[in-house]
């Protein structure tokens, strides 16, 4: 615990930087470099010696130490040079992401979210983004993460829609086809127990995924997929006690991502169009002023996409 407290204090000094700005003396510079070298060693030890049962005598203190080391290790990566993140940086990100410690994984996910938000002109090469997204998808499919980690995972994936198209090639042996991937998402629709942060991030992620799948014209199961999704957003629309969920839903629908359901009614699922319009109308007369304004602001996108008979190319994740 004392190590974790020390590292937390040191991280605050590093973030402040006023104590070693501009005219930093050589002795102080050497001390700072030595500290970073120590953190580098500790980081490598964590990566190489990671084991879920190690250090069980003091699990809380050990996890806090790892959490602070992760935060300090990621800090220099926010200010990478124009050359961008290196392969070594990406390996480190993935290592922290894959740790069994919930708090450490969350630090890595929060870092990735910031990186992905600035991806278009940011420091991550396409091949590195692809490698990270593969790890995120494996984490989503293979692990039992919940709460904040799951919410942040969905937020990260929502920001890279171009890499969500099926099949998902997670490694040399594993290929995830549409049916398997969508079944996993649909399972979460019924098991998240209305956790607001998870529901909001899942709304964004599922709408992006639905749009990408629709654009791929995977006609074999598109009807069942839309049925699952509309049922989920109906559940969200009925969360009368939680304004933020309904507000997020209004943003997702108003983005124009999924209004192809209105523009292109599916012959075998005609009632889906009616159900989506009903949700839109209910959001327009919602008890919350913010929800009503949000849905009214997004209505032109909805009407435009219906008039054009296609989806307006604006991703729901942009509103996050």
Protein backbone atom coordinates (compact mmCIF):
# COMPACT_ATOMS: atom_id res chain seq x y z
CA UNK A 1 0.00 0.00 0.00
CA UNK A 2 2.82 2.41 0.86
CA UNK A 3 4.40 1.80 -2.56
CA UNK A 4 1.09 2.57 -4.25
CA UNK A 5 0.74 5.82 -2.29
CA UNK A 6 4.31 6.81 -3.18
CA UNK A 7 3.73 6.11 -6.87
CA UNK A 8 0.47 8.05 -6.80
CA UNK A 9 2.27 11.08 -5.35
CA UNK A 10 5.04 10.76 -7.94
CA UNK A 11 2.47 10.59 -10.73
CA UNK A 12 0.96 13.87 -9.53
CA UNK A 13 4.41 15.47 -9.68
CA UNK A 14 4.89 14.16 -13.21
CA UNK A 15 1.50 15.45 -14.35
CA UNK A 16 2.17 18.85 -12.78
CA UNK A 17 5.65 19.28 -14.32
CA UNK A 18 6.03 22.83 -12.99
CA UNK A 19 8.72 21.58 -10.62
CA UNK A 20 10.99 20.50 -13.48
CA UNK A 21 9.97 22.84 -16.30
CA UNK A 22 12.18 24.94 -18.56
CA UNK A 23 15.35 25.54 -16.64
CA UNK A 24 15.57 22.08 -15.13
CA UNK A 25 19.00 21.43 -13.70
CA UNK A 26 21.07 18.46 -14.80
CA UNK A 27 20.94 16.75 -11.36
CA UNK A 28 17.14 16.99 -11.35
CA UNK A 29 17.02 15.77 -14.93
CA UNK A 30 19.18 12.78 -14.02
CA UNK A 31 16.90 12.02 -11.06
CA UNK A 32 13.82 12.14 -13.27
CA UNK A 33 15.42 9.88 -15.86
CA UNK A 34 16.45 7.46 -13.13
CA UNK A 35 12.88 7.40 -11.83
CA UNK A 36 11.52 6.65 -15.30
CA UNK A 37 14.14 3.92 -15.64
CA UNK A 38 12.87 2.38 -12.40
CA UNK A 39 9.30 2.53 -13.64
CA UNK A 40 10.43 0.96 -16.91
CA UNK A 41 11.96 -1.94 -15.00
CA UNK A 42 8.85 -2.37 -12.86
CA UNK A 43 6.67 -2.33 -15.97
CA UNK A 44 8.72 -5.01 -17.67
CA UNK A 45 8.60 -7.17 -14.54
CA UNK A 46 4.82 -6.90 -14.45
CA UNK A 47 4.56 -7.86 -18.12
CA UNK A 48 6.96 -10.80 -17.86
CA UNK A 49 5.93 -12.16 -14.47
CA UNK A 50 2.18 -11.63 -14.61
CA UNK A 51 0.22 -14.34 -12.84
CA UNK A 52 -3.27 -14.03 -11.35
CA UNK A 53 -2.35 -15.85 -8.12
CA UNK A 54 0.96 -14.12 -7.49
CA UNK A 55 1.08 -11.86 -4.44
CA UNK A 56 -2.24 -12.98 -3.00
CA UNK A 57 -1.08 -12.12 0.51
CA UNK A 58 -1.49 -8.41 -0.37
CA UNK A 59 -3.72 -8.41 -3.47
CA UNK A 60 -5.12 -4.90 -2.97
CA UNK A 61 -1.74 -3.26 -2.47
CA UNK A 62 -0.24 -5.15 -5.40
CA UNK A 63 -3.07 -4.11 -7.71
CA UNK A 64 -2.77 -0.46 -6.67
CA UNK A 65 0.96 -0.53 -7.39
CA UNK A 66 0.32 -1.97 -10.85
CA UNK A 67 -2.39 0.61 -11.48
CA UNK A 68 -0.08 3.51 -10.67
CA UNK A 69 2.74 2.00 -12.72
CA UNK A 70 0.36 1.68 -15.68
CA UNK A 71 -0.69 5.32 -15.36
CA UNK A 72 2.91 6.50 -15.20
CA UNK A 73 3.96 4.22 -18.07
CA UNK A 74 1.15 5.55 -20.29
CA UNK A 75 1.80 9.21 -19.51
CA UNK A 76 4.74 9.68 -21.95
CA UNK A 77 2.69 8.01 -24.71
CA UNK A 78 0.21 10.89 -24.70
CA UNK A 79 3.01 13.07 -26.07
CA UNK A 80 4.61 10.82 -28.63
CA UNK A 81 6.60 12.27 -31.48
CA UNK A 82 5.35 12.63 -35.04
CA UNK A 83 6.70 9.13 -35.67
CA UNK A 84 3.86 7.80 -33.54
CA UNK A 85 3.64 4.84 -31.20
CA UNK A 86 6.17 2.08 -31.70
CA UNK A 87 5.59 -1.66 -31.78
CA UNK A 88 7.06 -1.79 -28.27
CA UNK A 89 4.50 0.78 -27.09
CA UNK A 90 1.67 -1.26 -28.60
CA UNK A 91 2.93 -4.44 -26.92
CA UNK A 92 2.96 -2.63 -23.59
CA UNK A 93 -0.59 -1.34 -24.08
CA UNK A 94 -1.81 -4.84 -24.91
CA UNK A 95 0.01 -6.31 -21.90
CA UNK A 96 -1.69 -3.91 -19.47
CA UNK A 97 -4.99 -4.42 -21.28
CA UNK A 98 -4.77 -8.19 -20.81
CA UNK A 99 -3.94 -8.14 -17.10
CA UNK A 100 -6.42 -9.97 -14.81
CA UNK A 101 -6.55 -6.89 -12.57
CA UNK A 102 -9.73 -4.95 -13.29
CA UNK A 103 -8.29 -1.57 -12.23
CA UNK A 104 -5.22 -1.94 -14.46
CA UNK A 105 -7.25 -2.96 -17.52
CA UNK A 106 -9.46 0.09 -17.00
CA UNK A 107 -6.41 2.38 -17.09
CA UNK A 108 -5.39 0.83 -20.41
CA UNK A 109 -8.91 1.15 -21.84
CA UNK A 110 -9.15 4.81 -20.80
CA UNK A 111 -5.83 5.46 -22.52
CA UNK A 112 -7.00 3.73 -25.71
CA UNK A 113 -10.23 5.71 -25.70
CA UNK A 114 -8.28 8.97 -25.72
CA UNK A 115 -5.98 7.67 -28.46
CA UNK A 116 -8.87 6.49 -30.65
CA UNK A 117 -10.68 9.81 -30.26
CA UNK A 118 -7.72 11.51 -31.95
CA UNK A 119 -6.99 8.62 -34.32
CA UNK A 120 -7.58 10.44 -37.63
CA UNK A 121 -4.63 12.75 -37.09
CA UNK A 122 -3.21 10.94 -34.08
CA UNK A 123 -0.10 8.90 -33.32
CA UNK A 124 -1.35 5.37 -34.13
CA UNK A 125 -0.55 3.62 -37.40
CA UNK A 126 -3.31 1.61 -39.08
CA UNK A 127 -1.59 -1.72 -38.45
CA UNK A 128 -1.25 -0.87 -34.76
CA UNK A 129 -4.92 0.08 -34.48
CA UNK A 130 -5.82 -3.22 -36.12
CA UNK A 131 -3.69 -5.15 -33.60
CA UNK A 132 -5.27 -3.31 -30.67
CA UNK A 133 -8.82 -3.82 -31.96
CA UNK A 134 -8.18 -7.55 -32.30
CA UNK A 135 -7.19 -7.62 -28.62
CA UNK A 136 -10.29 -5.62 -27.67
CA UNK A 137 -12.53 -8.03 -29.57
CA UNK A 138 -10.84 -11.02 -27.93
CA UNK A 139 -11.31 -9.35 -24.56
CA UNK A 140 -14.99 -8.81 -25.31
CA UNK A 141 -15.57 -12.38 -26.51
CA UNK A 142 -13.36 -14.32 -24.10
CA UNK A 143 -13.38 -12.53 -20.77
CA UNK A 144 -15.96 -11.83 -18.10
CA UNK A 145 -15.30 -8.13 -17.70
CA UNK A 146 -18.14 -6.05 -16.32
CA UNK A 147 -19.03 -2.58 -15.18
CA UNK A 148 -16.70 0.29 -16.04
CA UNK A 149 -14.33 -1.92 -18.04
CA UNK A 150 -17.12 -3.25 -20.23
CA UNK A 151 -18.52 0.24 -20.78
CA UNK A 152 -15.11 1.61 -21.76
CA UNK A 153 -14.46 -1.40 -24.01
CA UNK A 154 -17.65 -0.67 -25.98
CA UNK A 155 -16.71 3.01 -26.19
CA UNK A 156 -13.32 2.14 -27.67
CA UNK A 157 -14.79 -0.22 -30.26
CA UNK A 158 -17.42 2.36 -31.25
CA UNK A 159 -14.63 4.65 -32.41
CA UNK A 160 -13.19 2.19 -34.96
CA UNK A 161 -16.24 1.10 -37.02
CA UNK A 162 -14.19 0.37 -40.12
CA UNK A 163 -12.49 -2.50 -38.27
CA UNK A 164 -15.69 -4.15 -37.03
CA UNK A 165 -16.70 -5.77 -40.31
CA UNK A 166 -17.03 -9.52 -40.29
CA UNK A 167 -15.33 -11.91 -40.24
CA UNK A 168 -13.17 -10.92 -37.27
CA UNK A 169 -9.74 -12.52 -37.66
CA UNK A 170 -8.53 -12.44 -34.08
CA UNK A 171 -5.36 -14.45 -34.65
CA UNK A 172 -3.92 -17.03 -37.01
CA UNK A 173 -6.39 -19.71 -35.94
CA UNK A 174 -9.51 -17.90 -34.77
CA UNK A 175 -12.00 -16.48 -37.26
CA UNK A 176 -15.27 -15.09 -35.89
CA UNK A 177 -18.14 -15.06 -38.36
CA UNK A 178 -21.19 -12.81 -38.15
CA UNK A 179 -23.45 -15.33 -36.39
CA UNK A 180 -21.04 -15.93 -33.50
CA UNK A 181 -20.16 -12.28 -33.05
CA UNK A 182 -23.73 -11.03 -33.12
CA UNK A 183 -24.96 -13.76 -30.75
CA UNK A 184 -22.45 -12.49 -28.20
CA UNK A 185 -23.69 -8.90 -28.54
CA UNK A 186 -27.34 -9.95 -28.40
CA UNK A 187 -26.62 -11.89 -25.21
CA UNK A 188 -25.54 -8.67 -23.51
CA UNK A 189 -28.80 -6.99 -24.51
CA UNK A 190 -30.57 -9.21 -21.98
CA UNK A 191 -27.95 -9.54 -19.22
CA UNK A 192 -26.63 -6.07 -18.36
CA UNK A 193 -29.40 -5.38 -15.80
CA UNK A 194 -29.78 -1.74 -16.79
CA UNK A 195 -26.35 -0.55 -15.63
CA UNK A 196 -26.50 2.98 -17.10
CA UNK A 197 -22.88 3.32 -18.21
CA UNK A 198 -22.85 -0.09 -19.87
CA UNK A 199 -26.23 0.42 -21.54
CA UNK A 200 -25.18 3.80 -22.95
CA UNK A 201 -21.90 2.52 -24.36
CA UNK A 202 -23.63 -0.60 -25.71
CA UNK A 203 -26.18 1.63 -27.45
CA UNK A 204 -23.38 3.42 -29.29
CA UNK A 205 -21.43 0.26 -30.07
CA UNK A 206 -24.41 -1.80 -31.25
CA UNK A 207 -25.68 1.00 -33.50
CA UNK A 208 -22.27 1.33 -35.15
CA UNK A 209 -22.06 -2.45 -35.56
CA UNK A 210 -25.60 -2.71 -36.95
CA UNK A 211 -24.82 -0.04 -39.53
CA UNK A 212 -21.55 -1.68 -40.59
CA UNK A 213 -23.24 -5.07 -40.95
CA UNK A 214 -26.08 -3.53 -42.94
CA UNK A 215 -23.60 -1.89 -45.32
CA UNK A 216 -22.02 -5.28 -45.89
CA UNK A 217 -25.43 -6.59 -46.99
CA UNK A 218 -25.33 -9.71 -44.83
CA UNK A 219 -28.90 -10.47 -45.84
CA UNK A 220 -29.05 -13.99 -44.40
CA UNK A 221 -29.56 -12.82 -40.81
CA UNK A 222 -30.11 -9.07 -41.09
CA UNK A 223 -33.76 -9.36 -40.01
CA UNK A 224 -32.99 -11.24 -36.80
CA UNK A 225 -30.19 -8.80 -36.03
CA UNK A 226 -32.46 -5.77 -36.40
CA UNK A 227 -35.14 -7.51 -34.33
CA UNK A 228 -32.62 -8.00 -31.50
CA UNK A 229 -31.45 -4.41 -31.73
CA UNK A 230 -34.91 -2.82 -31.84
CA UNK A 231 -35.97 -4.89 -28.83
CA UNK A 232 -32.90 -3.59 -26.98
CA UNK A 233 -33.57 0.07 -27.76
CA UNK A 234 -37.21 -0.42 -26.73
CA UNK A 235 -35.89 -1.56 -23.35
CA UNK A 236 -33.70 1.55 -23.18
CA UNK A 237 -36.62 3.80 -24.14
CA UNK A 238 -38.62 2.37 -21.23
CA UNK A 239 -35.98 3.28 -18.62
CA UNK A 240 -38.18 6.00 -17.13
CA UNK A 241 -36.02 6.34 -14.04
CA UNK A 242 -32.81 6.93 -15.99
CA UNK A 243 -32.71 10.05 -18.14
CA UNK A 244 -29.13 9.52 -19.36
CA UNK A 245 -30.06 6.25 -21.07
CA UNK A 246 -32.96 7.86 -22.95
CA UNK A 247 -30.76 10.84 -23.81
CA UNK A 248 -28.10 8.53 -25.24
CA UNK A 249 -30.79 6.70 -27.22
CA UNK A 250 -31.99 9.97 -28.75
CA UNK A 251 -28.40 10.76 -29.78
CA UNK A 252 -27.92 7.32 -31.33
CA UNK A 253 -31.13 7.47 -33.37
CA UNK A 254 -30.62 11.13 -34.25
CA UNK A 255 -27.12 10.46 -35.58
CA UNK A 256 -28.59 8.89 -38.72
CA UNK A 257 -26.67 5.66 -38.23
CA UNK A 258 -29.55 3.24 -38.11
CA UNK A 259 -32.45 4.93 -39.86
CA UNK A 260 -32.06 2.56 -42.80
CA UNK A 261 -34.64 0.56 -40.83
CA UNK A 262 -37.08 3.37 -41.65
CA UNK A 263 -35.82 3.96 -45.17
CA UNK A 264 -35.66 0.30 -46.20
CA UNK A 265 -38.41 -1.67 -44.42
CA UNK A 266 -37.57 -5.37 -44.28
CA UNK A 267 -40.25 -7.46 -45.96
CA UNK A 268 -40.24 -10.17 -43.29
CA UNK A 269 -40.10 -7.70 -40.39
CA UNK A 270 -42.41 -4.84 -41.37
CA UNK A 271 -43.34 -4.08 -37.76
CA UNK A 272 -39.76 -2.99 -36.99
CA UNK A 273 -40.30 0.26 -38.89
CA UNK A 274 -43.42 1.04 -36.86
CA UNK A 275 -41.66 0.16 -33.60
CA UNK A 276 -38.74 2.48 -34.35
CA UNK A 277 -41.06 5.36 -35.28
CA UNK A 278 -42.94 4.79 -32.02
CA UNK A 279 -39.66 5.10 -30.08
CA UNK A 280 -38.82 8.34 -31.91
CA UNK A 281 -42.26 9.83 -31.17
CA UNK A 282 -42.02 8.87 -27.49
CA UNK A 283 -38.60 10.52 -27.25
CA UNK A 284 -40.02 13.68 -28.83
CA UNK A 285 -42.63 13.89 -26.05
CA UNK A 286 -40.36 12.63 -23.26
CA UNK A 287 -40.78 14.14 -19.79
CA UNK A 288 -37.14 15.26 -19.92
CA UNK A 289 -36.56 18.54 -21.74
CA UNK A 290 -33.01 17.47 -22.64
CA UNK A 291 -34.20 14.24 -24.22
CA UNK A 292 -36.88 16.06 -26.24
CA UNK A 293 -34.41 18.67 -27.48
CA UNK A 294 -31.85 16.01 -28.39
CA UNK A 295 -34.35 13.96 -30.39
CA UNK A 296 -35.76 17.06 -32.08
CA UNK A 297 -32.22 18.11 -33.05
CA UNK A 298 -31.55 14.71 -34.59
CA UNK A 299 -34.89 14.46 -36.39
CA UNK A 300 -33.64 16.26 -39.56
CA UNK A 301 -30.99 13.53 -39.94
CA UNK A 302 -33.68 10.88 -39.59
CA UNK A 303 -36.00 12.53 -42.12
CA UNK A 304 -33.16 13.20 -44.54
CA UNK A 305 -32.09 9.57 -44.52
CA UNK A 306 -35.68 8.43 -45.06
CA UNK A 307 -36.11 10.87 -47.95
CA UNK A 308 -32.87 9.71 -49.55
CA UNK A 309 -33.64 6.07 -48.88
CA UNK A 310 -30.30 5.50 -47.23
CA UNK A 311 -28.33 5.97 -44.04
CA UNK A 312 -26.72 9.33 -43.33
CA UNK A 313 -22.97 8.60 -42.86
CA UNK A 314 -22.58 9.98 -39.36
CA UNK A 315 -21.41 7.57 -36.67
CA UNK A 316 -23.16 7.56 -33.33
CA UNK A 317 -19.81 7.41 -31.57
CA UNK A 318 -19.14 11.00 -32.60
CA UNK A 319 -21.57 12.18 -29.96
CA UNK A 320 -19.70 10.50 -27.12
